[in-house]
Every structure is written in C-alpha cells, then in structure tokens.
C-alpha atoms as a PDB file:
ATOM      1  CA  UNK A   1      19.038  -9.353  13.808  1.00  0.00           C
ATOM      2  CA  UNK A   2      19.398  -6.142  16.504  1.00  0.00           C
ATOM      3  CA  UNK A   3      16.696  -5.334  18.860  1.00  0.00           C
ATOM      4  CA  UNK A   4      16.463  -1.356  17.443  1.00  0.00           C
ATOM      5  CA  UNK A   5      16.793  -2.972  13.940  1.00  0.00           C
ATOM      6  CA  UNK A   6      13.487  -4.883  14.937  1.00  0.00           C
ATOM      7  CA  UNK A   7      11.438  -2.205  15.982  1.00  0.00           C
ATOM      8  CA  UNK A   8      12.795   0.266  12.813  1.00  0.00           C
ATOM      9  CA  UNK A   9      11.245  -2.720  10.894  1.00  0.00           C
ATOM     10  CA  UNK A  10       7.829  -3.017  12.513  1.00  0.00           C
ATOM     11  CA  UNK A  11       7.602   0.500  12.559  1.00  0.00           C
ATOM     12  CA  UNK A  12       7.993   0.240   8.631  1.00  0.00           C
ATOM     13  CA  UNK A  13       5.912  -2.212   8.788  1.00  0.00           C
ATOM     14  CA  UNK A  14       3.227  -0.021  10.257  1.00  0.00           C
ATOM     15  CA  UNK A  15       3.644   2.949   7.515  1.00  0.00           C
ATOM     16  CA  UNK A  16       3.228   0.065   4.531  1.00  0.00           C
ATOM     17  CA  UNK A  17       0.195  -1.123   6.388  1.00  0.00           C
ATOM     18  CA  UNK A  18      -1.259   2.513   6.998  1.00  0.00           C
ATOM     19  CA  UNK A  19      -0.603   3.132   3.196  1.00  0.00           C
ATOM     20  CA  UNK A  20      -2.497  -0.099   2.072  1.00  0.00           C
ATOM     21  CA  UNK A  21      -5.311   0.853   3.726  1.00  0.00           C
ATOM     22  CA  UNK A  22      -5.779   4.489   1.752  1.00  0.00           C
ATOM     23  CA  UNK A  23      -7.149   4.676  -1.804  1.00  0.00           C
ATOM     24  CA  UNK A  24      -4.457   6.066  -3.842  1.00  0.00           C
ATOM     25  CA  UNK A  25      -1.685   5.621  -1.624  1.00  0.00           C
ATOM     26  CA  UNK A  26       0.755   2.334  -2.654  1.00  0.00           C
ATOM     27  CA  UNK A  27       1.878  -0.010   0.123  1.00  0.00           C
ATOM     28  CA  UNK A  28       4.813  -0.732  -2.459  1.00  0.00           C
ATOM     29  CA  UNK A  29       5.383   3.028  -3.030  1.00  0.00           C
ATOM     30  CA  UNK A  30       5.748   2.597   1.022  1.00  0.00           C
ATOM     31  CA  UNK A  31       8.437  -0.220   0.095  1.00  0.00           C
ATOM     32  CA  UNK A  32      10.625   2.025  -2.369  1.00  0.00           C
ATOM     33  CA  UNK A  33      10.823   4.927  -0.322  1.00  0.00           C
ATOM     34  CA  UNK A  34      11.979   3.469   3.081  1.00  0.00           C
ATOM     35  CA  UNK A  35      14.835   1.295   0.471  1.00  0.00           C
ATOM     36  CA  UNK A  36      13.417  -2.557   1.329  1.00  0.00           C
ATOM     37  CA  UNK A  37      11.458  -2.893  -1.795  1.00  0.00           C
ATOM     38  CA  UNK A  38      13.878  -5.276  -3.074  1.00  0.00           C
ATOM     39  CA  UNK A  39      14.290  -6.931   0.356  1.00  0.00           C
ATOM     40  CA  UNK A  40      10.958  -8.081   0.731  1.00  0.00           C
ATOM     41  CA  UNK A  41      10.014  -9.085  -3.211  1.00  0.00           C
ATOM     42  CA  UNK A  42      13.481 -11.525  -2.972  1.00  0.00           C
ATOM     43  CA  UNK A  43      12.089 -12.650   0.666  1.00  0.00           C
ATOM     44  CA  UNK A  44       9.085 -13.324  -0.610  1.00  0.00           C
ATOM     45  CA  UNK A  45      10.422 -15.022  -4.060  1.00  0.00           C
ATOM     46  CA  UNK A  46      13.107 -17.154  -1.518  1.00  0.00           C
ATOM     47  CA  UNK A  47      10.472 -18.196   1.194  1.00  0.00           C
ATOM     48  CA  UNK A  48      10.572 -21.663   0.322  1.00  0.00           C
ATOM     49  CA  UNK A  49      14.076 -21.532  -0.931  1.00  0.00           C
ATOM     50  CA  UNK A  50      15.473 -19.725   2.501  1.00  0.00           C
ATOM     51  CA  UNK A  51      12.699 -19.940   4.698  1.00  0.00           C
ATOM     52  CA  UNK A  52      14.162 -19.046   7.928  1.00  0.00           C
ATOM     53  CA  UNK A  53      16.072 -16.092   6.515  1.00  0.00           C
ATOM     54  CA  UNK A  54      13.499 -14.853   4.541  1.00  0.00           C
ATOM     55  CA  UNK A  55      11.166 -15.315   7.497  1.00  0.00           C
ATOM     56  CA  UNK A  56      12.958 -13.304   9.716  1.00  0.00           C
ATOM     57  CA  UNK A  57      13.642 -10.316   7.067  1.00  0.00           C
ATOM     58  CA  UNK A  58       9.754 -10.633   6.708  1.00  0.00           C
ATOM     59  CA  UNK A  59       8.080 -10.919   9.920  1.00  0.00           C
ATOM     60  CA  UNK A  60       9.025  -7.753  11.503  1.00  0.00           C
ATOM     61  CA  UNK A  61       7.258  -6.081   8.724  1.00  0.00           C
ATOM     62  CA  UNK A  62       4.358  -7.656   8.639  1.00  0.00           C
ATOM     63  CA  UNK A  63       3.849  -7.785  12.596  1.00  0.00           C
ATOM     64  CA  UNK A  64       4.096  -3.680  11.751  1.00  0.00           C
ATOM     65  CA  UNK A  65       1.223  -4.136   9.052  1.00  0.00           C
ATOM     66  CA  UNK A  66      -0.961  -6.311  10.745  1.00  0.00           C
ATOM     67  CA  UNK A  67      -0.683  -3.918  13.830  1.00  0.00           C
ATOM     68  CA  UNK A  68      -1.451  -0.917  11.379  1.00  0.00           C
ATOM     69  CA  UNK A  69      -4.255  -1.905   9.165  1.00  0.00           C
ATOM     70  CA  UNK A  70      -5.829  -3.429  12.817  1.00  0.00           C
ATOM     71  CA  UNK A  71      -5.529   0.315  14.196  1.00  0.00           C
ATOM     72  CA  UNK A  72      -6.042   2.255  11.602  1.00  0.00           C
ATOM     73  CA  UNK A  73      -9.011   0.792  10.295  1.00  0.00           C
ATOM     74  CA  UNK A  74     -10.498   2.752  13.004  1.00  0.00           C
ATOM     75  CA  UNK A  75      -7.717   5.910  13.179  1.00  0.00           C
ATOM     76  CA  UNK A  76      -7.700   6.448   9.760  1.00  0.00           C
ATOM     77  CA  UNK A  77     -10.872   6.475   9.632  1.00  0.00           C
ATOM     78  CA  UNK A  78     -11.504   9.153  12.042  1.00  0.00           C
ATOM     79  CA  UNK A  79      -8.021  11.468  10.911  1.00  0.00           C
ATOM     80  CA  UNK A  80      -9.636  11.031   7.376  1.00  0.00           C
ATOM     81  CA  UNK A  81     -12.990  12.356   8.771  1.00  0.00           C
ATOM     82  CA  UNK A  82     -11.628  15.072  10.901  1.00  0.00           C
ATOM     83  CA  UNK A  83      -8.702  16.443   8.710  1.00  0.00           C
ATOM     84  CA  UNK A  84      -8.486  15.267   5.622  1.00  0.00           C
ATOM     85  CA  UNK A  85      -5.738  17.191   3.762  1.00  0.00           C
ATOM     86  CA  UNK A  86      -3.780  17.290   6.396  1.00  0.00           C
ATOM     87  CA  UNK A  87      -3.685  13.378   6.640  1.00  0.00           C
ATOM     88  CA  UNK A  88      -3.506  12.988   2.508  1.00  0.00           C
ATOM     89  CA  UNK A  89      -0.393  15.411   2.653  1.00  0.00           C
ATOM     90  CA  UNK A  90       1.460  13.682   5.684  1.00  0.00           C
ATOM     91  CA  UNK A  91       1.163  10.320   2.827  1.00  0.00           C
ATOM     92  CA  UNK A  92       2.171  12.351  -0.480  1.00  0.00           C
ATOM     93  CA  UNK A  93       5.357  13.592   1.732  1.00  0.00           C
ATOM     94  CA  UNK A  94       6.344   9.834   2.118  1.00  0.00           C
ATOM     95  CA  UNK A  95       5.635   9.487  -1.446  1.00  0.00           C
ATOM     96  CA  UNK A  96       7.974  12.314  -2.404  1.00  0.00           C
ATOM     97  CA  UNK A  97      10.473  11.116  -0.372  1.00  0.00           C
ATOM     98  CA  UNK A  98      10.609   7.650  -2.037  1.00  0.00           C
ATOM     99  CA  UNK A  99      11.439   9.687  -5.639  1.00  0.00           C
ATOM    100  CA  UNK A 100      15.268   9.970  -5.351  1.00  0.00           C
ATOM    101  CA  UNK A 101      15.425   6.242  -4.621  1.00  0.00           C
ATOM    102  CA  UNK A 102      13.623   5.386  -7.453  1.00  0.00           C
ATOM    103  CA  UNK A 103      15.915   7.501  -9.520  1.00  0.00           C
ATOM    104  CA  UNK A 104      19.400   5.897  -8.156  1.00  0.00           C
ATOM    105  CA  UNK A 105      17.644   2.475  -9.319  1.00  0.00           C
ATOM    106  CA  UNK A 106      17.445   4.014 -12.753  1.00  0.00           C
ATOM    107  CA  UNK A 107      21.056   5.649 -13.101  1.00  0.00           C
ATOM    108  CA  UNK A 108      22.560   4.001 -15.058  1.00  0.00           C
ATOM    109  CA  UNK A 109      20.425   1.897 -16.755  1.00  0.00           C
ATOM    110  CA  UNK A 110      19.693   1.535 -20.485  1.00  0.00           C
ATOM    111  CA  UNK A 111      15.923   3.761 -20.521  1.00  0.00           C
ATOM    112  CA  UNK A 112      16.085   5.574 -24.003  1.00  0.00           C
ATOM    113  CA  UNK A 113      12.061   5.797 -25.959  1.00  0.00           C
ATOM    114  CA  UNK A 114      10.977   2.608 -24.322  1.00  0.00           C
ATOM    115  CA  UNK A 115      11.515   4.052 -21.032  1.00  0.00           C
ATOM    116  CA  UNK A 116       9.377   7.157 -21.367  1.00  0.00           C
ATOM    117  CA  UNK A 117       6.651   5.624 -22.687  1.00  0.00           C
ATOM    118  CA  UNK A 118       6.575   2.861 -19.717  1.00  0.00           C
ATOM    119  CA  UNK A 119       6.560   6.222 -17.739  1.00  0.00           C
ATOM    120  CA  UNK A 120       3.478   7.810 -19.576  1.00  0.00           C
ATOM    121  CA  UNK A 121       1.577   4.947 -19.846  1.00  0.00           C
ATOM    122  CA  UNK A 122       1.916   4.043 -16.373  1.00  0.00           C
ATOM    123  CA  UNK A 123       1.374   6.955 -15.220  1.00  0.00           C
ATOM    124  CA  UNK A 124      -1.753   7.444 -16.981  1.00  0.00           C
ATOM    125  CA  UNK A 125      -3.127   4.216 -16.150  1.00  0.00           C
ATOM    126  CA  UNK A 126      -3.066   5.308 -12.384  1.00  0.00           C
ATOM    127  CA  UNK A 127      -4.943   8.440 -13.163  1.00  0.00           C
ATOM    128  CA  UNK A 128      -7.697   7.285 -15.600  1.00  0.00           C
ATOM    129  CA  UNK A 129      -7.792   4.704 -12.147  1.00  0.00           C
ATOM    130  CA  UNK A 130      -9.013   7.040 -10.277  1.00  0.00           C
ATOM    131  CA  UNK A 131     -11.103   8.957 -12.759  1.00  0.00           C
ATOM    132  CA  UNK A 132     -13.407   5.514 -12.918  1.00  0.00           C
ATOM    133  CA  UNK A 133     -12.941   4.744  -9.524  1.00  0.00           C
ATOM    134  CA  UNK A 134     -16.531   4.017  -7.235  1.00  0.00           C
ATOM    135  CA  UNK A 135     -18.032   3.474  -4.471  1.00  0.00           C
ATOM    136  CA  UNK A 136     -20.422   0.450  -3.644  1.00  0.00           C
ATOM    137  CA  UNK A 137     -23.463   1.246  -1.735  1.00  0.00           C
ATOM    138  CA  UNK A 138     -23.833  -2.314  -0.298  1.00  0.00           C
ATOM    139  CA  UNK A 139     -22.382  -1.870   3.335  1.00  0.00           C
ATOM    140  CA  UNK A 140     -23.522  -5.364   4.238  1.00  0.00           C
ATOM    141  CA  UNK A 141     -22.076  -8.026   2.006  1.00  0.00           C
ATOM    142  CA  UNK A 142     -23.285 -11.447   1.291  1.00  0.00           C
ATOM    143  CA  UNK A 143     -21.674 -14.626   2.382  1.00  0.00           C
ATOM    144  CA  UNK A 144     -22.553 -17.043  -0.167  1.00  0.00           C
ATOM    145  CA  UNK A 145     -19.706 -19.730  -2.205  1.00  0.00           C
ATOM    146  CA  UNK A 146     -19.646 -17.283  -5.087  1.00  0.00           C
ATOM    147  CA  UNK A 147     -19.468 -14.102  -3.206  1.00  0.00           C
ATOM    148  CA  UNK A 148     -16.644 -15.853  -1.290  1.00  0.00           C
ATOM    149  CA  UNK A 149     -15.221 -16.547  -4.197  1.00  0.00           C
ATOM    150  CA  UNK A 150     -15.362 -13.325  -5.498  1.00  0.00           C
ATOM    151  CA  UNK A 151     -13.649 -12.165  -2.284  1.00  0.00           C
ATOM    152  CA  UNK A 152     -11.162 -14.524  -3.017  1.00  0.00           C
ATOM    153  CA  UNK A 153     -10.360 -12.541  -6.450  1.00  0.00           C
ATOM    154  CA  UNK A 154     -10.728  -9.029  -4.962  1.00  0.00           C
ATOM    155  CA  UNK A 155      -7.950 -10.077  -2.494  1.00  0.00           C
ATOM    156  CA  UNK A 156      -5.344 -10.977  -5.634  1.00  0.00           C
ATOM    157  CA  UNK A 157      -6.075  -8.018  -7.131  1.00  0.00           C
ATOM    158  CA  UNK A 158      -5.419  -6.017  -4.010  1.00  0.00           C
ATOM    159  CA  UNK A 159      -2.449  -7.493  -3.406  1.00  0.00           C
ATOM    160  CA  UNK A 160      -1.029  -5.615  -6.377  1.00  0.00           C
ATOM    161  CA  UNK A 161      -0.387  -2.669  -3.587  1.00  0.00           C
ATOM    162  CA  UNK A 162       1.708  -4.905  -1.380  1.00  0.00           C
ATOM    163  CA  UNK A 163       4.633  -5.423  -4.439  1.00  0.00           C
ATOM    164  CA  UNK A 164       4.009  -2.722  -6.715  1.00  0.00           C
ATOM    165  CA  UNK A 165       4.207   0.615  -6.406  1.00  0.00           C
ATOM    166  CA  UNK A 166       1.918   3.083  -7.298  1.00  0.00           C
ATOM    167  CA  UNK A 167      -0.661   0.565  -7.529  1.00  0.00           C
ATOM    168  CA  UNK A 168      -3.284   1.255  -4.546  1.00  0.00           C
ATOM    169  CA  UNK A 169      -4.801  -2.207  -4.221  1.00  0.00           C
ATOM    170  CA  UNK A 170      -7.675   0.125  -2.036  1.00  0.00           C
ATOM    171  CA  UNK A 171      -8.440   2.019  -5.119  1.00  0.00           C
ATOM    172  CA  UNK A 172      -8.956  -0.740  -6.922  1.00  0.00           C
ATOM    173  CA  UNK A 173     -10.965  -1.806  -4.586  1.00  0.00           C
ATOM    174  CA  UNK A 174     -12.826   1.212  -4.502  1.00  0.00           C
ATOM    175  CA  UNK A 175     -12.712   1.157  -8.652  1.00  0.00           C
ATOM    176  CA  UNK A 176     -14.973  -1.908  -7.980  1.00  0.00           C
ATOM    177  CA  UNK A 177     -17.340  -1.003  -5.246  1.00  0.00           C
ATOM    178  CA  UNK A 178     -15.744  -2.628  -2.445  1.00  0.00           C
ATOM    179  CA  UNK A 179     -13.485  -0.676  -0.543  1.00  0.00           C
ATOM    180  CA  UNK A 180     -16.240   0.505   1.886  1.00  0.00           C
ATOM    181  CA  UNK A 181     -17.793  -2.942   2.071  1.00  0.00           C
ATOM    182  CA  UNK A 182     -14.716  -4.381   3.243  1.00  0.00           C
ATOM    183  CA  UNK A 183     -12.229  -1.948   4.748  1.00  0.00           C
ATOM    184  CA  UNK A 184     -14.247   0.478   6.475  1.00  0.00           C
ATOM    185  CA  UNK A 185     -17.247  -1.797   7.267  1.00  0.00           C
ATOM    186  CA  UNK A 186     -16.928  -5.458   7.857  1.00  0.00           C
ATOM    187  CA  UNK A 187     -13.218  -5.259   9.011  1.00  0.00           C
ATOM    188  CA  UNK A 188     -14.083  -2.489  11.805  1.00  0.00           C
ATOM    189  CA  UNK A 189     -17.402  -4.459  12.585  1.00  0.00           C
ATOM    190  CA  UNK A 190     -15.404  -7.611  12.780  1.00  0.00           C
ATOM    191  CA  UNK A 191     -12.953  -5.723  15.450  1.00  0.00           C
ATOM    192  CA  UNK A 192     -15.803  -4.556  17.226  1.00  0.00           C
ATOM    193  CA  UNK A 193     -17.675  -7.894  17.256  1.00  0.00           C
ATOM    194  CA  UNK A 194     -14.789  -9.319  18.580  1.00  0.00           C
ATOM    195  CA  UNK A 195     -14.423  -6.979  21.835  1.00  0.00           C
ATOM    196  CA  UNK A 196     -17.993  -7.254  22.447  1.00  0.00           C
ATOM    197  CA  UNK A 197     -18.380 -11.210  22.078  1.00  0.00           C
ATOM    198  CA  UNK A 198     -20.994 -11.254  19.528  1.00  0.00           C
ATOM    199  CA  UNK A 199     -19.699 -14.276  17.645  1.00  0.00           C
ATOM    200  CA  UNK A 200     -22.293 -14.464  15.516  1.00  0.00           C
ATOM    201  CA  UNK A 201     -21.288 -11.473  13.612  1.00  0.00           C
ATOM    202  CA  UNK A 202     -17.443 -12.440  13.680  1.00  0.00           C
ATOM    203  CA  UNK A 203     -18.989 -15.637  12.065  1.00  0.00           C
ATOM    204  CA  UNK A 204     -20.510 -13.491   9.179  1.00  0.00           C
ATOM    205  CA  UNK A 205     -17.345 -11.061   8.922  1.00  0.00           C
ATOM    206  CA  UNK A 206     -14.912 -14.105   8.830  1.00  0.00           C
ATOM    207  CA  UNK A 207     -16.665 -15.705   5.630  1.00  0.00           C
ATOM    208  CA  UNK A 208     -15.854 -11.831   4.145  1.00  0.00           C
ATOM    209  CA  UNK A 209     -11.958 -11.596   5.615  1.00  0.00           C
ATOM    210  CA  UNK A 210     -10.859 -15.063   5.376  1.00  0.00           C
ATOM    211  CA  UNK A 211     -11.322 -15.580   1.671  1.00  0.00           C
ATOM    212  CA  UNK A 212     -10.164 -11.703   0.728  1.00  0.00           C
ATOM    213  CA  UNK A 213      -7.243 -12.653   2.860  1.00  0.00           C
ATOM    214  CA  UNK A 214      -6.357 -15.912   1.502  1.00  0.00           C
ATOM    215  CA  UNK A 215      -6.568 -13.770  -1.697  1.00  0.00           C
ATOM    216  CA  UNK A 216      -4.060 -11.386  -0.789  1.00  0.00           C
ATOM    217  CA  UNK A 217      -1.353 -14.423   0.002  1.00  0.00           C
ATOM    218  CA  UNK A 218      -1.753 -15.706  -2.772  1.00  0.00           C
ATOM    219  CA  UNK A 219      -1.535 -12.836  -4.989  1.00  0.00           C
ATOM    220  CA  UNK A 220       1.308 -11.382  -3.419  1.00  0.00           C
ATOM    221  CA  UNK A 221       3.622 -14.468  -4.303  1.00  0.00           C
ATOM    222  CA  UNK A 222       2.385 -14.460  -7.867  1.00  0.00           C
ATOM    223  CA  UNK A 223       2.636 -10.778  -8.286  1.00  0.00           C
ATOM    224  CA  UNK A 224       6.406 -10.978  -6.687  1.00  0.00           C
ATOM    225  CA  UNK A 225       7.639 -13.565  -8.900  1.00  0.00           C
ATOM    226  CA  UNK A 226       6.647 -11.115 -12.067  1.00  0.00           C
ATOM    227  CA  UNK A 227       8.403  -8.225 -10.518  1.00  0.00           C
ATOM    228  CA  UNK A 228      11.241 -10.304  -9.727  1.00  0.00           C
ATOM    229  CA  UNK A 229      11.305 -11.472 -13.389  1.00  0.00           C
ATOM    230  CA  UNK A 230      10.948  -7.949 -14.729  1.00  0.00           C
ATOM    231  CA  UNK A 231      13.472  -6.285 -12.939  1.00  0.00           C
ATOM    232  CA  UNK A 232      15.966  -9.057 -13.597  1.00  0.00           C
ATOM    233  CA  UNK A 233      15.505  -8.651 -17.123  1.00  0.00           C
ATOM    234  CA  UNK A 234      14.241  -5.271 -18.059  1.00  0.00           C
ATOM    235  CA  UNK A 235      15.275  -3.089 -14.673  1.00  0.00           C
ATOM    236  CA  UNK A 236      15.613   0.074 -16.073  1.00  0.00           C
ATOM    237  CA  UNK A 237      12.458  -0.399 -18.245  1.00  0.00           C
ATOM    238  CA  UNK A 238      10.563  -1.888 -14.750  1.00  0.00           C
ATOM    239  CA  UNK A 239      11.741   1.030 -12.743  1.00  0.00           C
ATOM    240  CA  UNK A 240      10.325   3.667 -15.345  1.00  0.00           C
ATOM    241  CA  UNK A 241       6.851   2.672 -15.392  1.00  0.00           C
ATOM    242  CA  UNK A 242       7.356   2.203 -11.991  1.00  0.00           C
ATOM    243  CA  UNK A 243       8.644   6.022 -11.198  1.00  0.00           C
ATOM    244  CA  UNK A 244       5.290   6.871 -13.591  1.00  0.00           C
ATOM    245  CA  UNK A 245       2.855   5.024 -11.507  1.00  0.00           C
ATOM    246  CA  UNK A 246       4.902   6.400  -8.309  1.00  0.00           C
ATOM    247  CA  UNK A 247       4.823  10.168  -9.671  1.00  0.00           C
ATOM    248  CA  UNK A 248       0.977   9.983  -9.977  1.00  0.00           C
ATOM    249  CA  UNK A 249       0.325   9.112  -7.071  1.00  0.00           C
ATOM    250  CA  UNK A 250       0.329  12.116  -5.332  1.00  0.00           C
ATOM    251  CA  UNK A 251      -2.011  13.756  -8.276  1.00  0.00           C
ATOM    252  CA  UNK A 252      -4.555  11.177  -7.800  1.00  0.00           C
ATOM    253  CA  UNK A 253      -4.777  11.899  -4.217  1.00  0.00           C
ATOM    254  CA  UNK A 254      -4.865  15.552  -4.649  1.00  0.00           C
ATOM    255  CA  UNK A 255      -7.430  15.089  -7.375  1.00  0.00           C
ATOM    256  CA  UNK A 256     -10.188  14.160  -4.421  1.00  0.00           C
ATOM    257  CA  UNK A 257     -12.519  17.068  -4.503  1.00  0.00           C
ATOM    258  CA  UNK A 258     -13.581  16.995  -0.972  1.00  0.00           C
ATOM    259  CA  UNK A 259     -10.120  17.701  -0.098  1.00  0.00           C
ATOM    260  CA  UNK A 260     -10.774  21.467  -0.847  1.00  0.00           C
ATOM    261  CA  UNK A 261     -13.950  21.838   1.020  1.00  0.00           C
ATOM    262  CA  UNK A 262     -14.052  25.634   3.300  1.00  0.00           C
ATOM    263  CA  UNK A 263     -13.725  23.334   6.377  1.00  0.00           C
ATOM    264  CA  UNK A 264     -10.677  21.926   5.351  1.00  0.00           C
ATOM    265  CA  UNK A 265      -9.071  24.649   3.844  1.00  0.00           C
ATOM    266  CA  UNK A 266      -8.655  27.367   6.382  1.00  0.00           C
ATOM    267  CA  UNK A 267      -4.843  28.980   7.429  1.00  0.00           C
ATOM    268  CA  UNK A 268      -4.610  26.470  10.635  1.00  0.00           C
ATOM    269  CA  UNK A 269      -5.051  23.369   8.301  1.00  0.00           C
ATOM    270  CA  UNK A 270      -3.391  24.392   5.128  1.00  0.00           C
ATOM    271  CA  UNK A 271      -0.210  25.534   7.849  1.00  0.00           C
ATOM    272  CA  UNK A 272      -0.544  21.797   9.164  1.00  0.00           C
ATOM    273  CA  UNK A 273      -0.685  20.268   5.878  1.00  0.00           C
ATOM    274  CA  UNK A 274       2.627  21.722   4.970  1.00  0.00           C
ATOM    275  CA  UNK A 275       4.028  20.092   8.477  1.00  0.00           C
ATOM    276  CA  UNK A 276       2.273  16.820   7.852  1.00  0.00           C
ATOM    277  CA  UNK A 277       3.910  16.919   3.968  1.00  0.00           C
ATOM    278  CA  UNK A 278       7.298  17.640   5.974  1.00  0.00           C
ATOM    279  CA  UNK A 279       6.671  14.962   8.015  1.00  0.00           C
ATOM    280  CA  UNK A 280       5.981  12.445   5.350  1.00  0.00           C
ATOM    281  CA  UNK A 281       8.755  13.608   3.627  1.00  0.00           C
ATOM    282  CA  UNK A 282      11.507  13.237   6.591  1.00  0.00           C
ATOM    283  CA  UNK A 283      10.199   9.744   7.317  1.00  0.00           C
ATOM    284  CA  UNK A 284      10.939   8.558   4.230  1.00  0.00           C
ATOM    285  CA  UNK A 285      14.309   9.818   4.681  1.00  0.00           C
ATOM    286  CA  UNK A 286      14.707   8.223   8.257  1.00  0.00           C
ATOM    287  CA  UNK A 287      13.807   5.039   7.167  1.00  0.00           C
ATOM    288  CA  UNK A 288      15.256   4.712   4.117  1.00  0.00           C
ATOM    289  CA  UNK A 289      16.539   0.801   4.074  1.00  0.00           C
ATOM    290  CA  UNK A 290      20.405   0.123   4.302  1.00  0.00           C
ATOM    291  CA  UNK A 291      22.065  -1.607   1.308  1.00  0.00           C
ATOM    292  CA  UNK A 292      23.543  -4.432   3.331  1.00  0.00           C
ATOM    293  CA  UNK A 293      20.054  -5.641   3.795  1.00  0.00           C
ATOM    294  CA  UNK A 294      18.876  -5.450   0.639  1.00  0.00           C
ATOM    295  CA  UNK A 295      21.231  -7.998  -0.640  1.00  0.00           C
ATOM    296  CA  UNK A 296      21.341 -10.603   1.894  1.00  0.00           C
ATOM    297  CA  UNK A 297      18.664 -12.946  -0.148  1.00  0.00           C
ATOM    298  CA  UNK A 298      19.853 -12.791  -3.959  1.00  0.00           C
END
C-alpha cells in the first residue's frame, strides 16, 4: 500500500469514527459516502480466509477510527456544546454527498414496488427510532456480572452503526438510555483517569468498556455476514433499504429542537453552517473510494 493511500485511509477511518460518536449519524453511511463500503464488508467477511490481505485493508481504517473516537469524545462534546448547528451540518453534508454513490449501486438493478416499500419502511424506521429516543439519567454505571452481560449485548446492538448505512448505533444507545453513561461519561472518564494515574477508576471503567467493545467486535462480524448475503442475493432491494436509512439520517439530525435555540441560529452561525455543509459534501467526494480497491477480496 502506498504511503499516501495509507494516510488517506486513516483519514477516512477518522471520519467513520467521528460519525460513530454522533447520535443520528451512521458510520456505515460514511463508508458508503467514501466509496469503501463493499471493501470493508468483504474484508471483514474474508478475515479468516484471507487474513493478511483483510488485515492490510482494515488496519488503516481501524487506526483512524480509534484515533477519532479517542480524541473525538472530548472534541465533539465541546463542538456540540458550542457550535451544534455547524457541527451537525458538517455531517449532513457528508451524508448528502453519499447519495449519488448509493444511486450508482441501484442503477440497473431490479427495484419495482418491493424496492420502494423497502425504502419507505427503513426511512420510517429510522425516524421512529429518533422519536422514541431517551436519555439514561445514570452517570456512573454498575459493574456486576449481569451488568457486564448487558454491556456486551449493547455493544452488539451498537455495532450496527459500523456496517449498516443509515443506522446510528449511537442513536440506538440513546434510545436504550446508555449513550451518555457509556460514551460521554465512561469513555472520557477512562481517558482522564489514565492520564491522572487513577488506576482504581481505570479498572472500573474497563469493566464497562471491555465487554461493550467485545460486543461490538462480535456484532460486526455477524451483521457483516448478513449484509454480504443480502447484497449478493437482493442487491437492488438492499440498496433501496440502505438509501431509505441514509436519506432519513439528515431528517433525524434536524429533528433535534435544541439546534434552533437563539444562540445557535445567528447570522454567523447560519453562514458557518452552510460552509460546514459544503465542506462535508466536498469531503464525501474527495474521499470517494477507487473501484480497483473495492473488489480486491471478492
């Protein structure tokens, strides 16, 4: 792999990682927008059959995701607190920039009434998920055996955001009431405790983060296999469903009423939001994957 391409793939991974942190934004959507969705699905499914090749494909994206999640847990929290509208429109730009890539996948495929129904149902599912979302008031999570099993299962559920475009694992966590406790409390506390050398706090946080992370890994493999089967047997219908979820994502983001508070909608904020939307759209085009890479593991 050429050094410049390796760096670009790390940057792509960072975009995916940041998306995974934001409720309503899907890491899978970012994969589609950058043209690397099929590449990563194939690499995950062939990890044990073509271990070396698969690792070389996945590794730079994984590095970028880890960096983005580690740094973004602090940075995004600040960005959403100070410039929420501009931050959200950046990701809306990335999402909108992904739509032409999805339409190319649908072109030439059998769609019909079934495809339209798939689009409508999945669009509605994402919107309904947002409508029923809730926050957990707990800030410090317990660490008993049963709780750790729950965190593992939550990780499996949240891993949908890694491979299903339009489905936000972070939003699912919000719906179940665990987004704040795990992402913006436990994760940030863990990094702060490591830096301060507070090892008892580190141990407590690891009893939450390790089962959650293991659940994500297990869930990614299970869901990636399912997606691969669907794409192979019903590609047109599957991409119609994906398109429905992706189109719903900006709607879901803009449903957040806090975005329209007076301090967020001044003229400078509105102009800045237009610029960040344009930036997100351009990033989606800039990071569009190359067709040669997409088929290397098929």
